[in-house]
Protein backbone atom coordinates (compact mmCIF):
# COMPACT_ATOMS: atom_id res chain seq x y z
CA UNK A 1 -31.24 -36.14 -98.04
CA UNK A 2 -29.56 -33.43 -98.61
CA UNK A 3 -29.82 -30.54 -95.99
CA UNK A 4 -31.30 -26.78 -97.13
CA UNK A 5 -28.63 -23.91 -97.15
CA UNK A 6 -29.97 -21.73 -94.14
CA UNK A 7 -30.94 -18.37 -95.09
CA UNK A 8 -28.35 -15.87 -94.18
CA UNK A 9 -29.73 -13.69 -91.36
CA UNK A 10 -28.80 -9.85 -90.67
CA UNK A 11 -29.81 -7.94 -87.46
CA UNK A 12 -32.78 -6.16 -87.10
CA UNK A 13 -32.29 -2.33 -88.44
CA UNK A 14 -33.66 0.62 -87.09
CA UNK A 15 -33.16 4.46 -87.25
CA UNK A 16 -32.76 7.02 -84.60
CA UNK A 17 -32.31 11.03 -84.27
CA UNK A 18 -29.52 12.12 -81.75
CA UNK A 19 -31.22 15.55 -80.82
CA UNK A 20 -28.50 18.35 -79.85
CA UNK A 21 -27.86 22.22 -79.57
CA UNK A 22 -25.03 24.31 -78.86
CA UNK A 23 -25.11 26.50 -75.65
CA UNK A 24 -24.17 29.91 -76.65
CA UNK A 25 -22.52 31.16 -79.61
CA UNK A 26 -18.46 30.75 -78.58
CA UNK A 27 -16.40 28.27 -80.55
CA UNK A 28 -16.32 26.16 -77.90
CA UNK A 29 -19.76 26.46 -76.90
CA UNK A 30 -20.68 22.92 -74.84
CA UNK A 31 -23.01 20.71 -76.56
CA UNK A 32 -26.30 19.37 -75.43
CA UNK A 33 -27.94 15.95 -75.92
CA UNK A 34 -31.57 15.50 -75.33
CA UNK A 35 -32.23 11.87 -73.97
CA UNK A 36 -36.00 10.52 -73.51
CA UNK A 37 -36.75 7.71 -71.42
CA UNK A 38 -38.06 4.61 -72.81
CA UNK A 39 -41.42 3.10 -72.22
CA UNK A 40 -40.43 -0.33 -70.61
CA UNK A 41 -37.55 0.39 -68.44
CA UNK A 42 -37.29 4.05 -67.75
CA UNK A 43 -33.60 3.73 -69.16
CA UNK A 44 -32.52 6.99 -71.25
CA UNK A 45 -32.32 6.57 -74.83
CA UNK A 46 -32.37 8.41 -77.79
CA UNK A 47 -35.41 8.51 -80.06
CA UNK A 48 -36.01 5.46 -82.43
CA UNK A 49 -38.15 3.65 -84.46
CA UNK A 50 -38.63 0.94 -87.06
CA UNK A 51 -37.42 2.11 -90.65
CA UNK A 52 -40.33 2.79 -93.22
CA UNK A 53 -40.20 1.82 -96.64
CA UNK A 54 -42.03 4.79 -97.84
CA UNK A 55 -40.05 7.63 -96.53
CA UNK A 56 -36.11 7.91 -96.02
CA UNK A 57 -34.46 6.76 -92.87
CA UNK A 58 -33.61 10.37 -91.57
CA UNK A 59 -37.09 11.26 -92.06
CA UNK A 60 -38.66 8.61 -90.16
CA UNK A 61 -35.69 9.51 -87.63
CA UNK A 62 -37.13 13.02 -87.65
CA UNK A 63 -40.63 11.70 -87.37
CA UNK A 64 -39.65 9.38 -84.05
CA UNK A 65 -38.17 12.25 -82.63
CA UNK A 66 -41.21 14.65 -82.74
CA UNK A 67 -43.59 11.92 -81.34
CA UNK A 68 -41.36 10.70 -78.71
CA UNK A 69 -39.51 13.67 -77.56
CA UNK A 70 -41.70 16.50 -79.41
CA UNK A 71 -38.92 18.11 -80.92
CA UNK A 72 -38.36 19.49 -84.69
CA UNK A 73 -35.10 20.69 -86.49
CA UNK A 74 -32.60 20.19 -89.11
CA UNK A 75 -32.08 16.50 -89.63
CA UNK A 76 -28.97 15.47 -91.34
CA UNK A 77 -29.44 12.83 -93.92
CA UNK A 78 -25.97 10.91 -93.49
CA UNK A 79 -25.86 8.90 -90.63
CA UNK A 80 -23.46 9.73 -87.56
CA UNK A 81 -22.90 6.10 -87.39
CA UNK A 82 -24.75 3.37 -85.77
CA UNK A 83 -25.04 1.34 -82.54
CA UNK A 84 -26.08 -2.39 -81.74
CA UNK A 85 -28.02 -3.37 -78.94
CA UNK A 86 -30.52 -6.11 -78.08
CA UNK A 87 -34.76 -5.72 -78.19
CA UNK A 88 -36.50 -8.01 -76.09
CA UNK A 89 -39.71 -9.24 -77.74
CA UNK A 90 -43.10 -9.82 -75.69
CA UNK A 91 -42.66 -13.72 -76.63
CA UNK A 92 -39.44 -13.63 -74.60
CA UNK A 93 -36.52 -13.30 -77.85
CA UNK A 94 -33.99 -11.16 -77.56
CA UNK A 95 -33.05 -9.95 -80.79
CA UNK A 96 -29.58 -7.94 -82.32
CA UNK A 97 -30.79 -4.58 -83.61
CA UNK A 98 -28.67 -2.30 -85.72
CA UNK A 99 -29.45 1.45 -85.34
CA UNK A 100 -28.28 4.35 -87.67
CA UNK A 101 -28.04 7.46 -85.86
CA UNK A 102 -29.20 10.54 -87.76
CA UNK A 103 -27.80 14.07 -85.96
CA UNK A 104 -30.80 16.29 -85.62
CA UNK A 105 -30.18 20.26 -84.43
CA UNK A 106 -33.11 21.00 -82.72
CA UNK A 107 -35.16 24.55 -83.35
CA UNK A 108 -38.29 23.58 -81.96
CA UNK A 109 -39.28 22.09 -78.40
CA UNK A 110 -43.12 21.36 -78.26
CA UNK A 111 -44.97 21.93 -75.20
CA UNK A 112 -46.98 18.80 -75.90
CA UNK A 113 -46.70 16.07 -77.94
CA UNK A 114 -47.79 12.76 -78.67
CA UNK A 115 -45.90 10.45 -76.21
CA UNK A 116 -45.60 12.86 -73.57
CA UNK A 117 -47.37 11.17 -71.21
CA UNK A 118 -45.23 7.80 -71.49
CA UNK A 119 -41.52 9.72 -71.68
CA UNK A 120 -39.70 11.97 -70.06
CA UNK A 121 -37.17 14.18 -71.73
CA UNK A 122 -34.13 16.16 -70.70
CA UNK A 123 -31.21 17.77 -71.92
CA UNK A 124 -27.60 16.62 -70.93
CA UNK A 125 -24.30 17.67 -71.20
CA UNK A 126 -22.31 15.37 -73.76
CA UNK A 127 -20.21 13.73 -70.72
CA UNK A 128 -23.47 12.90 -68.93
CA UNK A 129 -25.51 11.69 -71.67
CA UNK A 130 -22.73 9.40 -72.60
CA UNK A 131 -22.68 8.05 -69.08
CA UNK A 132 -26.65 7.81 -69.22
CA UNK A 133 -27.27 5.42 -71.80
CA UNK A 134 -26.66 1.87 -71.48
CA UNK A 135 -25.46 0.84 -75.33
CA UNK A 136 -21.31 0.99 -75.31
CA UNK A 137 -21.43 1.74 -79.23
CA UNK A 138 -23.93 4.37 -78.59
CA UNK A 139 -22.15 6.14 -75.64
CA UNK A 140 -19.20 5.98 -78.10
CA UNK A 141 -21.18 8.03 -80.88
CA UNK A 142 -22.35 10.47 -78.23
CA UNK A 143 -18.65 11.12 -77.28
CA UNK A 144 -17.29 11.04 -81.02
CA UNK A 145 -20.08 13.68 -81.72
CA UNK A 146 -18.13 16.88 -80.57
CA UNK A 147 -15.22 15.25 -78.81
CA UNK A 148 -14.47 18.29 -76.41
CA UNK A 149 -11.50 16.71 -75.27
CA UNK A 150 -9.69 16.95 -78.04
CA UNK A 151 -10.91 20.91 -78.20
CA UNK A 152 -9.03 21.05 -74.62
CA UNK A 153 -6.16 19.35 -75.62
CA UNK A 154 -6.03 21.90 -78.42
CA UNK A 155 -5.90 24.97 -76.22
CA UNK A 156 -2.42 24.55 -75.42
CA UNK A 157 -1.13 27.78 -72.98
CA UNK A 158 1.81 29.75 -73.97
CA UNK A 159 5.12 28.97 -72.65
CA UNK A 160 5.39 32.16 -71.34
CA UNK A 161 2.17 32.80 -69.57
CA UNK A 162 2.18 29.48 -68.09
CA UNK A 163 5.92 30.20 -66.61
CA UNK A 164 4.86 33.13 -65.48
CA UNK A 165 1.99 32.20 -63.73
CA UNK A 166 3.94 29.13 -61.76
CA UNK A 167 6.44 31.81 -60.77
CA UNK A 168 4.43 34.85 -60.31
CA UNK A 169 6.87 36.85 -61.89
CA UNK A 170 4.37 38.44 -64.59
CA UNK A 171 5.88 41.87 -64.67
CA UNK A 172 9.56 40.18 -65.66
CA UNK A 173 8.11 37.95 -68.61
CA UNK A 174 5.60 41.05 -69.56
CA UNK A 175 8.45 42.96 -70.74
CA UNK A 176 10.26 40.29 -72.54
CA UNK A 177 7.23 39.19 -74.78
CA UNK A 178 6.90 42.43 -75.83
CA UNK A 179 10.80 42.05 -77.42
CA UNK A 180 9.34 38.86 -79.43
CA UNK A 181 8.20 39.01 -83.08
CA UNK A 182 4.45 39.14 -83.13
CA UNK A 183 2.67 36.09 -84.33
CA UNK A 184 -0.78 37.07 -84.62
CA UNK A 185 -3.99 36.15 -83.60
CA UNK A 186 -5.11 33.86 -86.31
CA UNK A 187 -6.53 30.96 -84.41
CA UNK A 188 -8.95 33.27 -82.90
CA UNK A 189 -9.93 34.57 -86.26
CA UNK A 190 -10.30 30.79 -87.85
CA UNK A 191 -12.37 30.39 -84.64
CA UNK A 192 -14.58 33.24 -84.98
CA UNK A 193 -15.07 32.69 -88.48
CA UNK A 194 -16.24 29.23 -87.85
CA UNK A 195 -18.73 30.53 -85.30
CA UNK A 196 -20.18 32.81 -87.96
CA UNK A 197 -20.41 29.79 -90.50
CA UNK A 198 -22.13 28.01 -87.93
CA UNK A 199 -24.98 30.78 -87.09
CA UNK A 200 -25.16 31.22 -90.80
CA UNK A 201 -25.82 27.61 -91.42
CA UNK A 202 -28.28 27.14 -88.51
CA UNK A 203 -30.14 30.38 -89.89
CA UNK A 204 -30.31 28.79 -93.62
CA UNK A 205 -31.94 25.80 -92.31
CA UNK A 206 -34.60 27.85 -90.70
CA UNK A 207 -35.30 29.52 -93.60
CA UNK A 208 -35.67 26.39 -95.61
CA UNK A 209 -37.77 25.04 -93.21
CA UNK A 210 -40.22 27.89 -94.28
CA UNK A 211 -42.52 29.73 -91.70
CA UNK A 212 -43.51 33.28 -91.22
CA UNK A 213 -40.06 34.30 -89.75
CA UNK A 214 -38.97 34.13 -93.18
CA UNK A 215 -37.75 38.01 -93.54
CA UNK A 216 -35.75 37.29 -89.96
CA UNK A 217 -33.57 34.48 -91.05
CA UNK A 218 -32.52 36.46 -94.39
CA UNK A 219 -31.84 39.38 -92.50
CA UNK A 220 -29.63 37.56 -90.13
CA UNK A 221 -27.66 35.43 -92.91
CA UNK A 222 -26.68 38.96 -94.35
CA UNK A 223 -25.82 39.91 -91.22
CA UNK A 224 -23.66 36.57 -90.53
CA UNK A 225 -22.23 37.47 -94.03
CA UNK A 226 -21.26 41.02 -93.25
CA UNK A 227 -19.51 39.64 -89.91
CA UNK A 228 -17.26 37.22 -92.10
CA UNK A 229 -16.20 39.87 -94.20
CA UNK A 230 -14.85 41.88 -91.32
CA UNK A 231 -13.07 38.48 -90.28
CA UNK A 232 -11.15 37.62 -93.60
CA UNK A 233 -10.32 41.57 -93.71
CA UNK A 234 -8.76 41.29 -90.50
CA UNK A 235 -6.97 38.10 -91.45
CA UNK A 236 -5.38 39.55 -94.47
CA UNK A 237 -4.39 42.61 -93.10
CA UNK A 238 -2.72 40.40 -90.05
CA UNK A 239 -1.07 38.47 -92.70
CA UNK A 240 0.75 41.09 -93.67
CA UNK A 241 1.88 42.62 -90.85
CA UNK A 242 2.98 39.12 -88.81
CA UNK A 243 6.62 38.12 -88.92
CA UNK A 244 5.71 34.89 -87.48
CA UNK A 245 2.67 32.92 -88.51
CA UNK A 246 1.75 29.50 -87.57
CA UNK A 247 1.45 27.99 -91.13
CA UNK A 248 2.28 29.05 -94.44
CA UNK A 249 1.00 32.09 -95.13
CA UNK A 250 -0.77 30.93 -98.64
CA UNK A 251 -2.46 28.38 -96.53
CA UNK A 252 -3.29 30.70 -94.26
CA UNK A 253 -5.43 32.87 -97.08
CA UNK A 254 -6.81 29.56 -98.67
CA UNK A 255 -7.91 28.28 -95.33
CA UNK A 256 -10.24 31.43 -94.74
CA UNK A 257 -10.96 31.92 -98.27
CA UNK A 258 -12.47 28.85 -98.19
CA UNK A 259 -14.25 29.23 -95.49
CA UNK A 260 -15.68 32.43 -96.29
CA UNK A 261 -16.84 30.98 -99.52
CA UNK A 262 -19.25 29.01 -97.77
CA UNK A 263 -20.56 31.99 -95.88
CA UNK A 264 -20.73 33.60 -99.42
CA UNK A 265 -23.01 30.84 -100.93
CA UNK A 266 -25.29 31.22 -97.59
CA UNK A 267 -25.54 34.84 -98.43
CA UNK A 268 -26.28 34.00 -101.96
CA UNK A 269 -28.58 31.54 -101.58
CA UNK A 270 -30.84 33.88 -98.90
CA UNK A 271 -30.58 36.31 -101.73
CA UNK A 272 -32.02 34.52 -104.42
CA UNK A 273 -34.73 32.84 -101.90
CA UNK A 274 -35.69 36.77 -101.14
CA UNK A 275 -35.28 37.91 -105.26
CA UNK A 276 -37.44 35.39 -106.37
CA UNK A 277 -39.46 35.24 -103.60
CA UNK A 278 -39.18 31.66 -103.31
CA UNK A 279 -41.18 29.44 -100.82
CA UNK A 280 -41.57 26.23 -102.56
CA UNK A 281 -38.84 24.33 -100.59
CA UNK A 282 -38.40 20.68 -101.40
CA UNK A 283 -37.55 17.92 -99.43
CA UNK A 284 -34.45 17.69 -101.26
CA UNK A 285 -33.57 21.22 -100.31
CA UNK A 286 -34.62 20.96 -96.75
CA UNK A 287 -32.17 17.68 -96.92
CA UNK A 288 -29.49 19.58 -98.11
CA UNK A 289 -29.44 22.35 -95.37
CA UNK A 290 -29.31 20.00 -92.61
CA UNK A 291 -26.11 18.50 -94.40
CA UNK A 292 -24.61 21.91 -94.28
CA UNK A 293 -25.71 22.60 -90.80
CA UNK A 294 -23.81 19.51 -89.90
CA UNK A 295 -21.09 20.14 -92.08
CA UNK A 296 -20.58 23.79 -90.31
CA UNK A 297 -20.80 21.67 -86.62
CA UNK A 298 -17.81 19.80 -87.94
CA UNK A 299 -16.03 22.22 -89.26
CA UNK A 300 -16.64 24.36 -86.03
CA UNK A 301 -14.80 21.24 -84.14
CA UNK A 302 -11.92 20.79 -86.72
CA UNK A 303 -10.92 24.44 -86.31
CA UNK A 304 -9.69 24.65 -82.95
CA UNK A 305 -7.72 21.52 -83.28
CA UNK A 306 -5.41 23.56 -85.63
CA UNK A 307 -3.79 25.29 -82.39
CA UNK A 308 -1.71 21.51 -82.05
CA UNK A 309 -1.85 19.87 -85.29
CA UNK A 310 0.85 17.65 -84.54
CA UNK A 311 -1.18 16.40 -81.81
CA UNK A 312 -4.74 16.29 -83.04
CA UNK A 313 -3.72 15.30 -86.67
CA UNK A 314 -5.95 12.18 -86.42
CA UNK A 315 -8.65 13.57 -85.28
CA UNK A 316 -8.53 16.16 -87.69
CA UNK A 317 -8.53 13.49 -90.60
CA UNK A 318 -11.44 12.05 -89.02
CA UNK A 319 -13.42 15.09 -89.33
CA UNK A 320 -12.49 16.39 -93.15
CA UNK A 321 -13.08 12.53 -94.08
CA UNK A 322 -16.53 13.22 -92.63
CA UNK A 323 -17.03 16.48 -94.57
CA UNK A 324 -15.65 15.02 -97.62
CA UNK A 325 -18.52 12.42 -97.37
CA UNK A 326 -21.03 15.09 -96.52
CA UNK A 327 -20.43 16.96 -99.78
CA UNK A 328 -20.47 13.88 -101.95
CA UNK A 329 -24.14 12.63 -100.32
CA UNK A 330 -25.42 16.27 -100.79
CA UNK A 331 -24.12 15.94 -104.72
CA UNK A 332 -26.62 12.92 -104.91
CA UNK A 333 -29.38 14.87 -103.20
CA UNK A 334 -28.47 17.99 -105.58
CA UNK A 335 -28.95 15.74 -108.82
CA UNK A 336 -32.16 13.83 -107.31
CA UNK A 337 -33.63 17.37 -106.42
CA UNK A 338 -33.25 18.93 -109.71
CA UNK A 339 -34.14 16.13 -111.71
CA UNK A 340 -37.80 16.26 -109.28
CA UNK A 341 -37.97 20.03 -110.22
CA UNK A 342 -37.84 19.41 -113.95
CA UNK A 343 -40.58 16.57 -114.09
CA UNK A 344 -42.45 19.03 -111.91
CA UNK A 345 -41.83 22.05 -113.30
CA UNK A 346 -39.81 22.04 -116.45
CA UNK A 347 -42.63 21.76 -119.00
CA UNK A 348 -45.77 23.75 -117.46
CA UNK A 349 -43.60 26.32 -115.41
CA UNK A 350 -40.25 27.04 -116.77
CA UNK A 351 -39.46 30.26 -114.98
CA UNK A 352 -40.17 28.26 -111.45
CA UNK A 353 -37.90 25.14 -112.71
CA UNK A 354 -34.91 27.76 -113.32
CA UNK A 355 -35.60 29.40 -110.06
CA UNK A 356 -35.52 26.23 -107.97
CA UNK A 357 -32.33 25.12 -110.24
CA UNK A 358 -30.63 28.35 -108.88
CA UNK A 359 -31.36 27.56 -105.40
CA UNK A 360 -30.09 24.15 -105.85
CA UNK A 361 -26.97 25.56 -107.31
CA UNK A 362 -26.22 27.86 -104.14
CA UNK A 363 -26.73 24.72 -101.61
CA UNK A 364 -24.48 22.95 -103.71
CA UNK A 365 -21.62 25.28 -103.42
CA UNK A 366 -22.07 25.72 -99.88
CA UNK A 367 -21.51 22.00 -99.87
CA UNK A 368 -18.26 22.48 -102.15
CA UNK A 369 -16.74 25.17 -100.09
CA UNK A 370 -16.84 23.26 -97.17
CA UNK A 371 -15.55 20.65 -98.61
CA UNK A 372 -12.61 22.83 -99.61
CA UNK A 373 -12.18 23.72 -96.16
CA UNK A 374 -11.51 19.95 -95.43
CA UNK A 375 -9.16 20.07 -98.38
CA UNK A 376 -7.24 22.59 -96.68
CA UNK A 377 -7.13 21.71 -93.29
CA UNK A 378 -5.44 18.47 -94.91
CA UNK A 379 -2.98 20.31 -96.34
CA UNK A 380 -2.00 21.59 -93.07
CA UNK A 381 -1.92 18.17 -91.24
CA UNK A 382 0.15 16.92 -94.20
CA UNK A 383 2.77 19.75 -93.63
CA UNK A 384 2.50 19.82 -89.90
CA UNK A 385 1.60 16.48 -88.50
């Protein structure tokens, strides 16, 4: 008798949320990760659960986060990565599980939630969170989420300051530094603009979640756009008056221009929402806003690494690749959202469809601008690494 071929077995798949927040608005502000205890062993874990065929994976991860940790926010539809662990069943079996992890920018912490009596929740630093979890792959994912060691490596102390500090000859070197050609404070300005991008993206995501604070979120986006305008004017002014620049002048203006385009499009989206009194935010719009939040975070990690392109070239390439993937995923969500809006409004409410399409257009342009930032960074890496 012939043997029947055994069916190919795949690991069980689950979804999880990686809840995070930043402490303050600085470019190097520390990241906090929320962990919860498991019900069985009390180990520190992230909110996770089984995939449902009825809703998208990232939406299921958000539901698990709300039920298990009592938190809500913008969850990126593009997973950060995955990790593997063994799950012990009540029947004694220990089965392999692959978990897709979706970043969740926390905006709300509920005072009470479904599994409050069964779990403890706690905010950890990035380093503490990585050490607290048991799974090696998850530990690596957490460490890669906002790789602070790269930020530290990027912030090199100037050679004259270092020598003066070591030798205690500050006054001697002070007059010598004044004789050197000016090099400008481009890195500080880039990083200040990246902070503005993150803040505007966070406000945009809150706006697209709906709610009574709509006017405040629109106002904040407007203010962030004004801040960004001030920064780009300072960059352009500094380019004109600076003798030595860290990169080619055209690379500097192209990079800050792409960054400014992202904030401008966020402002345009907020203006459209305000002008048309738009409140019917589709899930696809919220998903695109969540991608923008995560892309802004990745941009904010990449920008400080430009202080030492040669050392940080590999990490910069990883981050820009992720930005490009995010833009591609945002395009897919954009197309699906416009199609759904056409089916719902196209025949009976043409004006509503036109307004929805306008909002989608601005969201797509934000993602495009952040991809342009990635392309500009890649160009600098190619030229200087």
